[in-house]
Amino acid sequence: MTTSTTRIGDALICSVAGYVHMDNEQQLRHELRQALVRRPALLAIDLHAVDLFTTSALHTLLTARRAALAAGVPLVLAAPSPQAQRVLEITQTDTVFRVFPTLTEALHKCAPSKPDKSHLAAL
């Protein structure tokens, strides 16, 4: 698995590629935690290049979602690969996350606004 985080305007995009499973979930958790510490107006997780997406990966995203909610940072999923989309659908977590078919759509529909700073203690 590889991850990278880039900034586009006030948003951070965390791109995930490869096999996301129990053996590397700590790497993904660390990447997402570091992104949230930067206090973006939006955190978009790009899943288009994910080849394997397990329940461990889903658990990591759900944990990040809770932290993002507590911090007041909108978190969305963008362009999930068929493998990731299938896990989201089977577990019905596609209704828990805001999921967009493309990163561009996620960025346009979630026009970032600055998160409330009072939630810093939640991290």
PDB file of N, CA and C in Angstrom:
ATOM      1  N   MET A   1       0.837  -1.174   0.000  1.00  0.00           N
ATOM      2  CA  MET A   1       0.000   0.000   0.000  1.00  0.00           C
ATOM      3  C   MET A   1       0.880   1.234   0.000  1.00  0.00           C
ATOM      4  N   THR A   2       0.436   2.231  -0.727  1.00  0.00           N
ATOM      5  CA  THR A   2       1.090   3.536  -0.687  1.00  0.00           C
ATOM      6  C   THR A   2       0.036   4.586  -0.382  1.00  0.00           C
ATOM      7  N   THR A   3       0.487   5.630   0.301  1.00  0.00           N
ATOM      8  CA  THR A   3      -0.384   6.765   0.589  1.00  0.00           C
ATOM      9  C   THR A   3       0.381   8.043   0.311  1.00  0.00           C
ATOM     10  N   SER A   4      -0.360   9.059  -0.055  1.00  0.00           N
ATOM     11  CA  SER A   4       0.231  10.388  -0.198  1.00  0.00           C
ATOM     12  C   SER A   4      -0.855  11.407   0.081  1.00  0.00           C
ATOM     13  N   THR A   5      -0.450  12.524   0.632  1.00  0.00           N
ATOM     14  CA  THR A   5      -1.395  13.582   0.945  1.00  0.00           C
ATOM     15  C   THR A   5      -0.950  14.856   0.251  1.00  0.00           C
ATOM     16  N   THR A   6      -1.891  15.480  -0.453  1.00  0.00           N
ATOM     17  CA  THR A   6      -1.625  16.725  -1.155  1.00  0.00           C
ATOM     18  C   THR A   6      -2.697  17.744  -0.800  1.00  0.00           C
ATOM     19  N   ARG A   7      -2.343  18.997  -0.944  1.00  0.00           N
ATOM     20  CA  ARG A   7      -3.278  20.088  -0.667  1.00  0.00           C
ATOM     21  C   ARG A   7      -3.771  20.668  -1.986  1.00  0.00           C
ATOM     22  N   ILE A   8      -5.077  20.875  -2.047  1.00  0.00           N
ATOM     23  CA  ILE A   8      -5.693  21.612  -3.148  1.00  0.00           C
ATOM     24  C   ILE A   8      -6.560  22.681  -2.502  1.00  0.00           C
ATOM     25  N   GLY A   9      -6.101  23.916  -2.554  1.00  0.00           N
ATOM     26  CA  GLY A   9      -6.802  24.995  -1.859  1.00  0.00           C
ATOM     27  C   GLY A   9      -6.787  24.724  -0.368  1.00  0.00           C
ATOM     28  N   ASP A  10      -7.979  24.753   0.240  1.00  0.00           N
ATOM     29  CA  ASP A  10      -8.095  24.492   1.673  1.00  0.00           C
ATOM     30  C   ASP A  10      -8.343  23.026   1.984  1.00  0.00           C
ATOM     31  N   ALA A  11      -8.394  22.189   0.952  1.00  0.00           N
ATOM     32  CA  ALA A  11      -8.677  20.763   1.140  1.00  0.00           C
ATOM     33  C   ALA A  11      -7.385  19.949   1.117  1.00  0.00           C
ATOM     34  N   LEU A  12      -7.413  18.842   1.850  1.00  0.00           N
ATOM     35  CA  LEU A  12      -6.335  17.856   1.772  1.00  0.00           C
ATOM     36  C   LEU A  12      -6.900  16.612   1.114  1.00  0.00           C
ATOM     37  N   ILE A  13      -6.119  16.043   0.192  1.00  0.00           N
ATOM     38  CA  ILE A  13      -6.498  14.810  -0.479  1.00  0.00           C
ATOM     39  C   ILE A  13      -5.504  13.747  -0.060  1.00  0.00           C
ATOM     40  N   CYS A  14      -6.015  12.706   0.579  1.00  0.00           N
ATOM     41  CA  CYS A  14      -5.193  11.566   0.957  1.00  0.00           C
ATOM     42  C   CYS A  14      -5.472  10.471  -0.073  1.00  0.00           C
ATOM     43  N   SER A  15      -4.492  10.180  -0.899  1.00  0.00           N
ATOM     44  CA  SER A  15      -4.631   9.150  -1.931  1.00  0.00           C
ATOM     45  C   SER A  15      -4.072   7.836  -1.413  1.00  0.00           C
ATOM     46  N   VAL A  16      -4.857   6.784  -1.613  1.00  0.00           N
ATOM     47  CA  VAL A  16      -4.487   5.458  -1.134  1.00  0.00           C
ATOM     48  C   VAL A  16      -4.435   4.530  -2.339  1.00  0.00           C
ATOM     49  N   ALA A  17      -3.390   3.699  -2.426  1.00  0.00           N
ATOM     50  CA  ALA A  17      -3.247   2.780  -3.557  1.00  0.00           C
ATOM     51  C   ALA A  17      -2.753   1.428  -3.069  1.00  0.00           C
ATOM     52  N   GLY A  18      -3.160   0.391  -3.803  1.00  0.00           N
ATOM     53  CA  GLY A  18      -2.662  -0.951  -3.514  1.00  0.00           C
ATOM     54  C   GLY A  18      -3.569  -1.751  -2.614  1.00  0.00           C
ATOM     55  N   TYR A  19      -2.960  -2.615  -1.818  1.00  0.00           N
ATOM     56  CA  TYR A  19      -3.672  -3.533  -0.927  1.00  0.00           C
ATOM     57  C   TYR A  19      -3.769  -2.897   0.456  1.00  0.00           C
ATOM     58  N   VAL A  20      -4.982  -2.644   0.922  1.00  0.00           N
ATOM     59  CA  VAL A  20      -5.196  -2.034   2.226  1.00  0.00           C
ATOM     60  C   VAL A  20      -5.800  -3.104   3.133  1.00  0.00           C
ATOM     61  N   HIS A  21      -5.011  -3.540   4.119  1.00  0.00           N
ATOM     62  CA  HIS A  21      -5.434  -4.650   4.971  1.00  0.00           C
ATOM     63  C   HIS A  21      -4.812  -4.513   6.356  1.00  0.00           C
ATOM     64  N   MET A  22      -5.005  -5.522   7.184  1.00  0.00           N
ATOM     65  CA  MET A  22      -4.572  -5.492   8.574  1.00  0.00           C
ATOM     66  C   MET A  22      -3.069  -5.211   8.733  1.00  0.00           C
ATOM     67  N   ASP A  23      -2.252  -5.703   7.838  1.00  0.00           N
ATOM     68  CA  ASP A  23      -0.804  -5.547   7.983  1.00  0.00           C
ATOM     69  C   ASP A  23      -0.315  -4.122   7.763  1.00  0.00           C
ATOM     70  N   ASN A  24      -1.113  -3.297   7.101  1.00  0.00           N
ATOM     71  CA  ASN A  24      -0.660  -1.923   6.857  1.00  0.00           C
ATOM     72  C   ASN A  24      -1.663  -0.867   7.318  1.00  0.00           C
ATOM     73  N   GLU A  25      -2.661  -1.252   8.094  1.00  0.00           N
ATOM     74  CA  GLU A  25      -3.662  -0.295   8.544  1.00  0.00           C
ATOM     75  C   GLU A  25      -3.051   0.803   9.419  1.00  0.00           C
ATOM     76  N   GLN A  26      -1.988   0.493  10.166  1.00  0.00           N
ATOM     77  CA  GLN A  26      -1.349   1.517  10.999  1.00  0.00           C
ATOM     78  C   GLN A  26      -0.765   2.643  10.144  1.00  0.00           C
ATOM     79  N   GLN A  27      -0.228   2.289   8.989  1.00  0.00           N
ATOM     80  CA  GLN A  27       0.309   3.301   8.075  1.00  0.00           C
ATOM     81  C   GLN A  27      -0.805   4.232   7.612  1.00  0.00           C
ATOM     82  N   LEU A  28      -1.944   3.666   7.233  1.00  0.00           N
ATOM     83  CA  LEU A  28      -3.076   4.485   6.790  1.00  0.00           C
ATOM     84  C   LEU A  28      -3.609   5.321   7.949  1.00  0.00           C
ATOM     85  N   ARG A  29      -3.731   4.725   9.112  1.00  0.00           N
ATOM     86  CA  ARG A  29      -4.212   5.457  10.287  1.00  0.00           C
ATOM     87  C   ARG A  29      -3.296   6.649  10.575  1.00  0.00           C
ATOM     88  N   HIS A  30      -1.989   6.437  10.504  1.00  0.00           N
ATOM     89  CA  HIS A  30      -1.028   7.521  10.746  1.00  0.00           C
ATOM     90  C   HIS A  30      -1.195   8.638   9.706  1.00  0.00           C
ATOM     91  N   GLU A  31      -1.315   8.267   8.450  1.00  0.00           N
ATOM     92  CA  GLU A  31      -1.469   9.263   7.379  1.00  0.00           C
ATOM     93  C   GLU A  31      -2.724  10.109   7.594  1.00  0.00           C
ATOM     94  N   LEU A  32      -3.830   9.464   7.943  1.00  0.00           N
ATOM     95  CA  LEU A  32      -5.083  10.186   8.155  1.00  0.00           C
ATOM     96  C   LEU A  32      -5.019  11.053   9.405  1.00  0.00           C
ATOM     97  N   ARG A  33      -4.388  10.549  10.443  1.00  0.00           N
ATOM     98  CA  ARG A  33      -4.225  11.337  11.669  1.00  0.00           C
ATOM     99  C   ARG A  33      -3.400  12.592  11.387  1.00  0.00           C
ATOM    100  N   GLN A  34      -2.314  12.434  10.642  1.00  0.00           N
ATOM    101  CA  GLN A  34      -1.477  13.582  10.300  1.00  0.00           C
ATOM    102  C   GLN A  34      -2.238  14.596   9.452  1.00  0.00           C
ATOM    103  N   ALA A  35      -3.088  14.118   8.572  1.00  0.00           N
ATOM    104  CA  ALA A  35      -3.902  15.023   7.758  1.00  0.00           C
ATOM    105  C   ALA A  35      -4.871  15.814   8.633  1.00  0.00           C
ATOM    106  N   LEU A  36      -5.505  15.154   9.585  1.00  0.00           N
ATOM    107  CA  LEU A  36      -6.448  15.843  10.462  1.00  0.00           C
ATOM    108  C   LEU A  36      -5.763  16.864  11.362  1.00  0.00           C
ATOM    109  N   VAL A  37      -4.547  16.573  11.786  1.00  0.00           N
ATOM    110  CA  VAL A  37      -3.798  17.516  12.622  1.00  0.00           C
ATOM    111  C   VAL A  37      -3.562  18.825  11.862  1.00  0.00           C
ATOM    112  N   ARG A  38      -3.497  18.761  10.554  1.00  0.00           N
ATOM    113  CA  ARG A  38      -3.260  19.954   9.722  1.00  0.00           C
ATOM    114  C   ARG A  38      -4.499  20.827   9.603  1.00  0.00           C
ATOM    115  N   ARG A  39      -5.638  20.356  10.134  1.00  0.00           N
ATOM    116  CA  ARG A  39      -6.878  21.129  10.193  1.00  0.00           C
ATOM    117  C   ARG A  39      -7.385  21.581   8.831  1.00  0.00           C
ATOM    118  N   PRO A  40      -7.535  20.671   7.869  1.00  0.00           N
ATOM    119  CA  PRO A  40      -8.032  21.089   6.562  1.00  0.00           C
ATOM    120  C   PRO A  40      -9.508  21.475   6.635  1.00  0.00           C
ATOM    121  N   ALA A  41      -9.942  22.245   5.666  1.00  0.00           N
ATOM    122  CA  ALA A  41     -11.354  22.584   5.557  1.00  0.00           C
ATOM    123  C   ALA A  41     -12.141  21.385   5.020  1.00  0.00           C
ATOM    124  N   LEU A  42     -11.446  20.437   4.378  1.00  0.00           N
ATOM    125  CA  LEU A  42     -12.038  19.207   3.870  1.00  0.00           C
ATOM    126  C   LEU A  42     -10.936  18.162   3.779  1.00  0.00           C
ATOM    127  N   LEU A  43     -11.253  16.932   4.177  1.00  0.00           N
ATOM    128  CA  LEU A  43     -10.339  15.817   3.974  1.00  0.00           C
ATOM    129  C   LEU A  43     -11.032  14.834   3.038  1.00  0.00           C
ATOM    130  N   ALA A  44     -10.481  14.697   1.843  1.00  0.00           N
ATOM    131  CA  ALA A  44     -11.016  13.758   0.857  1.00  0.00           C
ATOM    132  C   ALA A  44     -10.060  12.580   0.753  1.00  0.00           C
ATOM    133  N   ILE A  45     -10.608  11.387   0.880  1.00  0.00           N
ATOM    134  CA  ILE A  45      -9.799  10.172   0.773  1.00  0.00           C
ATOM    135  C   ILE A  45     -10.068   9.563  -0.592  1.00  0.00           C
ATOM    136  N   ASP A  46      -9.054   9.592  -1.437  1.00  0.00           N
ATOM    137  CA  ASP A  46      -9.142   9.104  -2.815  1.00  0.00           C
ATOM    138  C   ASP A  46      -8.811   7.611  -2.837  1.00  0.00           C
ATOM    139  N   LEU A  47      -9.802   6.806  -3.196  1.00  0.00           N
ATOM    140  CA  LEU A  47      -9.646   5.349  -3.177  1.00  0.00           C
ATOM    141  C   LEU A  47      -9.622   4.730  -4.565  1.00  0.00           C
ATOM    142  N   HIS A  48      -9.382   5.523  -5.595  1.00  0.00           N
ATOM    143  CA  HIS A  48      -9.496   4.992  -6.966  1.00  0.00           C
ATOM    144  C   HIS A  48      -8.449   3.921  -7.291  1.00  0.00           C
ATOM    145  N   ALA A  49      -7.304   3.939  -6.623  1.00  0.00           N
ATOM    146  CA  ALA A  49      -6.229   2.999  -6.956  1.00  0.00           C
ATOM    147  C   ALA A  49      -6.104   1.858  -5.941  1.00  0.00           C
ATOM    148  N   VAL A  50      -7.147   1.622  -5.165  1.00  0.00           N
ATOM    149  CA  VAL A  50      -7.130   0.540  -4.179  1.00  0.00           C
ATOM    150  C   VAL A  50      -7.443  -0.778  -4.875  1.00  0.00           C
ATOM    151  N   ASP A  51      -6.555  -1.760  -4.707  1.00  0.00           N
ATOM    152  CA  ASP A  51      -6.731  -3.082  -5.324  1.00  0.00           C
ATOM    153  C   ASP A  51      -7.376  -4.093  -4.383  1.00  0.00           C
ATOM    154  N   LEU A  52      -7.152  -3.933  -3.083  1.00  0.00           N
ATOM    155  CA  LEU A  52      -7.742  -4.809  -2.068  1.00  0.00           C
ATOM    156  C   LEU A  52      -8.145  -3.933  -0.903  1.00  0.00           C
ATOM    157  N   PHE A  53      -9.379  -4.097  -0.455  1.00  0.00           N
ATOM    158  CA  PHE A  53      -9.925  -3.265   0.614  1.00  0.00           C
ATOM    159  C   PHE A  53     -10.643  -4.188   1.594  1.00  0.00           C
ATOM    160  N   THR A  54     -10.060  -4.377   2.774  1.00  0.00           N
ATOM    161  CA  THR A  54     -10.597  -5.323   3.745  1.00  0.00           C
ATOM    162  C   THR A  54     -11.393  -4.595   4.826  1.00  0.00           C
ATOM    163  N   THR A  55     -11.972  -5.377   5.715  1.00  0.00           N
ATOM    164  CA  THR A  55     -12.699  -4.764   6.829  1.00  0.00           C
ATOM    165  C   THR A  55     -11.753  -4.003   7.761  1.00  0.00           C
ATOM    166  N   SER A  56     -10.501  -4.376   7.809  1.00  0.00           N
ATOM    167  CA  SER A  56      -9.518  -3.601   8.587  1.00  0.00           C
ATOM    168  C   SER A  56      -9.376  -2.200   8.011  1.00  0.00           C
ATOM    169  N   ALA A  57      -9.349  -2.115   6.700  1.00  0.00           N
ATOM    170  CA  ALA A  57      -9.275  -0.810   6.040  1.00  0.00           C
ATOM    171  C   ALA A  57     -10.526   0.006   6.347  1.00  0.00           C
ATOM    172  N   LEU A  58     -11.667  -0.650   6.293  1.00  0.00           N
ATOM    173  CA  LEU A  58     -12.929   0.033   6.598  1.00  0.00           C
ATOM    174  C   LEU A  58     -12.926   0.539   8.038  1.00  0.00           C
ATOM    175  N   HIS A  59     -12.463  -0.282   8.957  1.00  0.00           N
ATOM    176  CA  HIS A  59     -12.399   0.134  10.357  1.00  0.00           C
ATOM    177  C   HIS A  59     -11.518   1.375  10.515  1.00  0.00           C
ATOM    178  N   THR A  60     -10.410   1.419   9.801  1.00  0.00           N
ATOM    179  CA  THR A  60      -9.523   2.578   9.852  1.00  0.00           C
ATOM    180  C   THR A  60     -10.233   3.832   9.348  1.00  0.00           C
ATOM    181  N   LEU A  61     -10.996   3.698   8.267  1.00  0.00           N
ATOM    182  CA  LEU A  61     -11.742   4.852   7.744  1.00  0.00           C
ATOM    183  C   LEU A  61     -12.833   5.293   8.713  1.00  0.00           C
ATOM    184  N   LEU A  62     -13.501   4.343   9.352  1.00  0.00           N
ATOM    185  CA  LEU A  62     -14.535   4.697  10.322  1.00  0.00           C
ATOM    186  C   LEU A  62     -13.940   5.416  11.531  1.00  0.00           C
ATOM    187  N   THR A  63     -12.758   4.987  11.958  1.00  0.00           N
ATOM    188  CA  THR A  63     -12.064   5.655  13.058  1.00  0.00           C
ATOM    189  C   THR A  63     -11.689   7.077  12.661  1.00  0.00           C
ATOM    190  N   ALA A  64     -11.199   7.244  11.446  1.00  0.00           N
ATOM    191  CA  ALA A  64     -10.851   8.578  10.946  1.00  0.00           C
ATOM    192  C   ALA A  64     -12.097   9.452  10.846  1.00  0.00           C
ATOM    193  N   ARG A  65     -13.202   8.861  10.444  1.00  0.00           N
ATOM    194  CA  ARG A  65     -14.460   9.615  10.342  1.00  0.00           C
ATOM    195  C   ARG A  65     -14.872  10.155  11.705  1.00  0.00           C
ATOM    196  N   ARG A  66     -14.788   9.318  12.737  1.00  0.00           N
ATOM    197  CA  ARG A  66     -15.132   9.771  14.097  1.00  0.00           C
ATOM    198  C   ARG A  66     -14.231  10.919  14.536  1.00  0.00           C
ATOM    199  N   ALA A  67     -12.935  10.790  14.286  1.00  0.00           N
ATOM    200  CA  ALA A  67     -11.999  11.852  14.663  1.00  0.00           C
ATOM    201  C   ALA A  67     -12.276  13.132  13.878  1.00  0.00           C
ATOM    202  N   ALA A  68     -12.598  12.986  12.606  1.00  0.00           N
ATOM    203  CA  ALA A  68     -12.904  14.153  11.777  1.00  0.00           C
ATOM    204  C   ALA A  68     -14.175  14.847  12.267  1.00  0.00           C
ATOM    205  N   LEU A  69     -15.190  14.077  12.598  1.00  0.00           N
ATOM    206  CA  LEU A  69     -16.429  14.664  13.132  1.00  0.00           C
ATOM    207  C   LEU A  69     -16.148  15.425  14.419  1.00  0.00           C
ATOM    208  N   ALA A  70     -15.370  14.824  15.297  1.00  0.00           N
ATOM    209  CA  ALA A  70     -15.043  15.474  16.570  1.00  0.00           C
ATOM    210  C   ALA A  70     -14.260  16.763  16.352  1.00  0.00           C
ATOM    211  N   ALA A  71     -13.454  16.798  15.304  1.00  0.00           N
ATOM    212  CA  ALA A  71     -12.628  17.972  15.010  1.00  0.00           C
ATOM    213  C   ALA A  71     -13.348  18.990  14.133  1.00  0.00           C
ATOM    214  N   GLY A  72     -14.524  18.637  13.647  1.00  0.00           N
ATOM    215  CA  GLY A  72     -15.252  19.547  12.775  1.00  0.00           C
ATOM    216  C   GLY A  72     -14.704  19.606  11.367  1.00  0.00           C
ATOM    217  N   VAL A  73     -14.015  18.554  10.938  1.00  0.00           N
ATOM    218  CA  VAL A  73     -13.432  18.498   9.596  1.00  0.00           C
ATOM    219  C   VAL A  73     -14.287  17.564   8.739  1.00  0.00           C
ATOM    220  N   PRO A  74     -14.895  18.064   7.669  1.00  0.00           N
ATOM    221  CA  PRO A  74     -15.652  17.175   6.787  1.00  0.00           C
ATOM    222  C   PRO A  74     -14.719  16.155   6.136  1.00  0.00           C
ATOM    223  N   LEU A  75     -15.123  14.889   6.159  1.00  0.00           N
ATOM    224  CA  LEU A  75     -14.351  13.812   5.555  1.00  0.00           C
ATOM    225  C   LEU A  75     -15.239  13.129   4.526  1.00  0.00           C
ATOM    226  N   VAL A  76     -14.726  12.989   3.308  1.00  0.00           N
ATOM    227  CA  VAL A  76     -15.474  12.333   2.236  1.00  0.00           C
ATOM    228  C   VAL A  76     -14.591  11.288   1.567  1.00  0.00           C
ATOM    229  N   LEU A  77     -15.242  10.322   0.935  1.00  0.00           N
ATOM    230  CA  LEU A  77     -14.536   9.321   0.137  1.00  0.00           C
ATOM    231  C   LEU A  77     -14.745   9.645  -1.322  1.00  0.00           C
ATOM    232  N   ALA A  78     -13.681   9.534  -2.102  1.00  0.00           N
ATOM    233  CA  ALA A  78     -13.757   9.870  -3.522  1.00  0.00           C
ATOM    234  C   ALA A  78     -13.300   8.707  -4.387  1.00  0.00           C
ATOM    235  N   ALA A  79     -14.033   8.477  -5.440  1.00  0.00           N
ATOM    236  CA  ALA A  79     -13.672   7.515  -6.493  1.00  0.00           C
ATOM    237  C   ALA A  79     -13.293   6.141  -5.968  1.00  0.00           C
ATOM    238  N   PRO A  80     -14.120   5.534  -5.115  1.00  0.00           N
ATOM    239  CA  PRO A  80     -13.732   4.212  -4.621  1.00  0.00           C
ATOM    240  C   PRO A  80     -13.605   3.205  -5.763  1.00  0.00           C
ATOM    241  N   SER A  81     -12.553   2.419  -5.710  1.00  0.00           N
ATOM    242  CA  SER A  81     -12.360   1.359  -6.701  1.00  0.00           C
ATOM    243  C   SER A  81     -13.505   0.362  -6.547  1.00  0.00           C
ATOM    244  N   PRO A  82     -13.716  -0.500  -7.537  1.00  0.00           N
ATOM    245  CA  PRO A  82     -14.775  -1.510  -7.401  1.00  0.00           C
ATOM    246  C   PRO A  82     -14.615  -2.359  -6.132  1.00  0.00           C
ATOM    247  N   GLN A  83     -13.379  -2.663  -5.745  1.00  0.00           N
ATOM    248  CA  GLN A  83     -13.140  -3.462  -4.550  1.00  0.00           C
ATOM    249  C   GLN A  83     -13.575  -2.702  -3.288  1.00  0.00           C
ATOM    250  N   ALA A  84     -13.203  -1.448  -3.203  1.00  0.00           N
ATOM    251  CA  ALA A  84     -13.584  -0.637  -2.046  1.00  0.00           C
ATOM    252  C   ALA A  84     -15.090  -0.399  -2.040  1.00  0.00           C
ATOM    253  N   GLN A  85     -15.648  -0.105  -3.205  1.00  0.00           N
ATOM    254  CA  GLN A  85     -17.088   0.149  -3.298  1.00  0.00           C
ATOM    255  C   GLN A  85     -17.890  -1.065  -2.842  1.00  0.00           C
ATOM    256  N   ARG A  86     -17.425  -2.241  -3.201  1.00  0.00           N
ATOM    257  CA  ARG A  86     -18.139  -3.465  -2.817  1.00  0.00           C
ATOM    258  C   ARG A  86     -18.178  -3.631  -1.298  1.00  0.00           C
ATOM    259  N   VAL A  87     -17.067  -3.399  -0.624  1.00  0.00           N
ATOM    260  CA  VAL A  87     -17.034  -3.503   0.837  1.00  0.00           C
ATOM    261  C   VAL A  87     -17.958  -2.440   1.448  1.00  0.00           C
ATOM    262  N   LEU A  88     -17.926  -1.229   0.922  1.00  0.00           N
ATOM    263  CA  LEU A  88     -18.799  -0.174   1.427  1.00  0.00           C
ATOM    264  C   LEU A  88     -20.270  -0.553   1.276  1.00  0.00           C
ATOM    265  N   GLU A  89     -20.615  -1.143   0.142  1.00  0.00           N
ATOM    266  CA  GLU A  89     -22.003  -1.536  -0.100  1.00  0.00           C
ATOM    267  C   GLU A  89     -22.426  -2.717   0.765  1.00  0.00           C
ATOM    268  N   ILE A  90     -21.590  -3.742   0.843  1.00  0.00           N
ATOM    269  CA  ILE A  90     -21.929  -4.932   1.629  1.00  0.00           C
ATOM    270  C   ILE A  90     -22.143  -4.574   3.097  1.00  0.00           C
ATOM    271  N   THR A  91     -21.310  -3.685   3.617  1.00  0.00           N
ATOM    272  CA  THR A  91     -21.400  -3.301   5.025  1.00  0.00           C
ATOM    273  C   THR A  91     -22.366  -2.133   5.243  1.00  0.00           C
ATOM    274  N   GLN A  92     -22.918  -1.624   4.179  1.00  0.00           N
ATOM    275  CA  GLN A  92     -23.840  -0.486   4.187  1.00  0.00           C
ATOM    276  C   GLN A  92     -23.215   0.780   4.760  1.00  0.00           C
ATOM    277  N   THR A  93     -21.900   0.845   4.737  1.00  0.00           N
ATOM    278  CA  THR A  93     -21.237   2.064   5.189  1.00  0.00           C
ATOM    279  C   THR A  93     -21.175   3.108   4.079  1.00  0.00           C
ATOM    280  N   ASP A  94     -21.624   2.734   2.888  1.00  0.00           N
ATOM    281  CA  ASP A  94     -21.742   3.739   1.830  1.00  0.00           C
ATOM    282  C   ASP A  94     -22.828   4.753   2.180  1.00  0.00           C
ATOM    283  N   THR A  95     -23.656   4.447   3.180  1.00  0.00           N
ATOM    284  CA  THR A  95     -24.658   5.397   3.659  1.00  0.00           C
ATOM    285  C   THR A  95     -24.142   6.212   4.840  1.00  0.00           C
ATOM    286  N   VAL A  96     -23.025   5.787   5.428  1.00  0.00           N
ATOM    287  CA  VAL A  96     -22.432   6.490   6.567  1.00  0.00           C
ATOM    288  C   VAL A  96     -21.494   7.585   6.072  1.00  0.00           C
ATOM    289  N   PHE A  97     -20.722   7.270   5.055  1.00  0.00           N
ATOM    290  CA  PHE A  97     -19.788   8.225   4.454  1.00  0.00           C
ATOM    291  C   PHE A  97     -20.466   8.986   3.325  1.00  0.00           C
ATOM    292  N   ARG A  98     -19.980  10.181   3.077  1.00  0.00           N
ATOM    293  CA  ARG A  98     -20.325  10.861   1.824  1.00  0.00           C
ATOM    294  C   ARG A  98     -19.350  10.312   0.796  1.00  0.00           C
ATOM    295  N   VAL A  99     -19.891   9.655  -0.224  1.00  0.00           N
ATOM    296  CA  VAL A  99     -19.070   8.995  -1.243  1.00  0.00           C
ATOM    297  C   VAL A  99     -19.359   9.652  -2.582  1.00  0.00           C
ATOM    298  N   PHE A 100     -18.291  10.041  -3.294  1.00  0.00           N
ATOM    299  CA  PHE A 100     -18.419  10.689  -4.595  1.00  0.00           C
ATOM    300  C   PHE A 100     -17.722   9.842  -5.658  1.00  0.00           C
ATOM    301  N   PRO A 101     -18.280   9.796  -6.859  1.00  0.00           N
ATOM    302  CA  PRO A 101     -17.692   8.962  -7.910  1.00  0.00           C
ATOM    303  C   PRO A 101     -16.335   9.454  -8.406  1.00  0.00           C
ATOM    304  N   THR A 102     -16.062  10.743  -8.233  1.00  0.00           N
ATOM    305  CA  THR A 102     -14.764  11.286  -8.658  1.00  0.00           C
ATOM    306  C   THR A 102     -14.241  12.258  -7.601  1.00  0.00           C
ATOM    307  N   LEU A 103     -12.955  12.453  -7.599  1.00  0.00           N
ATOM    308  CA  LEU A 103     -12.340  13.418  -6.700  1.00  0.00           C
ATOM    309  C   LEU A 103     -12.791  14.827  -7.057  1.00  0.00           C
ATOM    310  N   THR A 104     -12.875  15.127  -8.339  1.00  0.00           N
ATOM    311  CA  THR A 104     -13.303  16.453  -8.788  1.00  0.00           C
ATOM    312  C   THR A 104     -14.689  16.784  -8.248  1.00  0.00           C
ATOM    313  N   GLU A 105     -15.612  15.822  -8.343  1.00  0.00           N
ATOM    314  CA  GLU A 105     -16.970  16.043  -7.837  1.00  0.00           C
ATOM    315  C   GLU A 105     -16.956  16.254  -6.326  1.00  0.00           C
ATOM    316  N   ALA A 106     -16.161  15.481  -5.620  1.00  0.00           N
ATOM    317  CA  ALA A 106     -16.072  15.639  -4.164  1.00  0.00           C
ATOM    318  C   ALA A 106     -15.589  17.037  -3.806  1.00  0.00           C
ATOM    319  N   LEU A 107     -14.586  17.518  -4.509  1.00  0.00           N
ATOM    320  CA  LEU A 107     -14.045  18.846  -4.215  1.00  0.00           C
ATOM    321  C   LEU A 107     -15.038  19.949  -4.562  1.00  0.00           C
ATOM    322  N   HIS A 108     -15.756  19.790  -5.667  1.00  0.00           N
ATOM    323  CA  HIS A 108     -16.714  20.823  -6.086  1.00  0.00           C
ATOM    324  C   HIS A 108     -17.963  20.838  -5.210  1.00  0.00           C
ATOM    325  N   LYS A 109     -18.452  19.685  -4.811  1.00  0.00           N
ATOM    326  CA  LYS A 109     -19.697  19.630  -4.039  1.00  0.00           C
ATOM    327  C   LYS A 109     -19.495  19.884  -2.555  1.00  0.00           C
ATOM    328  N   CYS A 110     -18.269  19.802  -2.108  1.00  0.00           N
ATOM    329  CA  CYS A 110     -17.981  20.015  -0.685  1.00  0.00           C
ATOM    330  C   CYS A 110     -17.134  21.259  -0.524  1.00  0.00           C
ATOM    331  N   ALA A 111     -17.621  22.350  -1.055  1.00  0.00           N
ATOM    332  CA  ALA A 111     -16.888  23.606  -0.970  1.00  0.00           C
ATOM    333  C   ALA A 111     -16.410  23.823   0.454  1.00  0.00           C
ATOM    334  N   PRO A 112     -15.101  23.785   0.658  1.00  0.00           N
ATOM    335  CA  PRO A 112     -14.563  23.848   2.019  1.00  0.00           C
ATOM    336  C   PRO A 112     -14.876  25.152   2.725  1.00  0.00           C
ATOM    337  N   SER A 113     -15.183  25.008   3.999  1.00  0.00           N
ATOM    338  CA  SER A 113     -15.228  26.143   4.906  1.00  0.00           C
ATOM    339  C   SER A 113     -14.350  25.780   6.091  1.00  0.00           C
ATOM    340  N   LYS A 114     -13.755  26.740   6.688  1.00  0.00           N
ATOM    341  CA  LYS A 114     -12.798  26.478   7.774  1.00  0.00           C
ATOM    342  C   LYS A 114     -13.485  25.768   8.942  1.00  0.00           C
ATOM    343  N   PRO A 115     -12.848  24.697   9.468  1.00  0.00           N
ATOM    344  CA  PRO A 115     -13.426  24.010  10.629  1.00  0.00           C
ATOM    345  C   PRO A 115     -13.311  24.865  11.887  1.00  0.00           C
ATOM    346  N   ASP A 116     -14.224  24.650  12.802  1.00  0.00           N
ATOM    347  CA  ASP A 116     -14.234  25.326  14.075  1.00  0.00           C
ATOM    348  C   ASP A 116     -13.023  24.879  14.901  1.00  0.00           C
ATOM    349  N   LYS A 117     -12.225  25.803  15.388  1.00  0.00           N
ATOM    350  CA  LYS A 117     -10.991  25.489  16.121  1.00  0.00           C
ATOM    351  C   LYS A 117     -11.266  24.957  17.538  1.00  0.00           C
ATOM    352  N   SER A 118     -12.491  25.076  18.036  1.00  0.00           N
ATOM    353  CA  SER A 118     -12.774  24.636  19.398  1.00  0.00           C
ATOM    354  C   SER A 118     -12.697  23.120  19.545  1.00  0.00           C
ATOM    355  N   HIS A 119     -12.624  22.393  18.446  1.00  0.00           N
ATOM    356  CA  HIS A 119     -12.580  20.937  18.501  1.00  0.00           C
ATOM    357  C   HIS A 119     -11.152  20.382  18.552  1.00  0.00           C
ATOM    358  N   LEU A 120     -10.153  21.234  18.704  1.00  0.00           N
ATOM    359  CA  LEU A 120      -8.765  20.763  18.724  1.00  0.00           C
ATOM    360  C   LEU A 120      -8.522  19.751  19.849  1.00  0.00           C
ATOM    361  N   ALA A 121      -9.179  19.926  20.970  1.00  0.00           N
ATOM    362  CA  ALA A 121      -8.946  19.017  22.097  1.00  0.00           C
ATOM    363  C   ALA A 121      -9.436  17.599  21.810  1.00  0.00           C
ATOM    364  N   ALA A 122     -10.339  17.423  20.849  1.00  0.00           N
ATOM    365  CA  ALA A 122     -10.881  16.097  20.541  1.00  0.00           C
ATOM    366  C   ALA A 122      -9.842  15.189  19.924  1.00  0.00           C
ATOM    367  N   LEU A 123      -8.798  15.745  19.316  1.00  0.00           N
ATOM    368  CA  LEU A 123      -7.757  14.918  18.720  1.00  0.00           C
ATOM    369  C   LEU A 123      -6.817  14.509  19.796  1.00  0.00           C
TER     370      LEU A 123
END
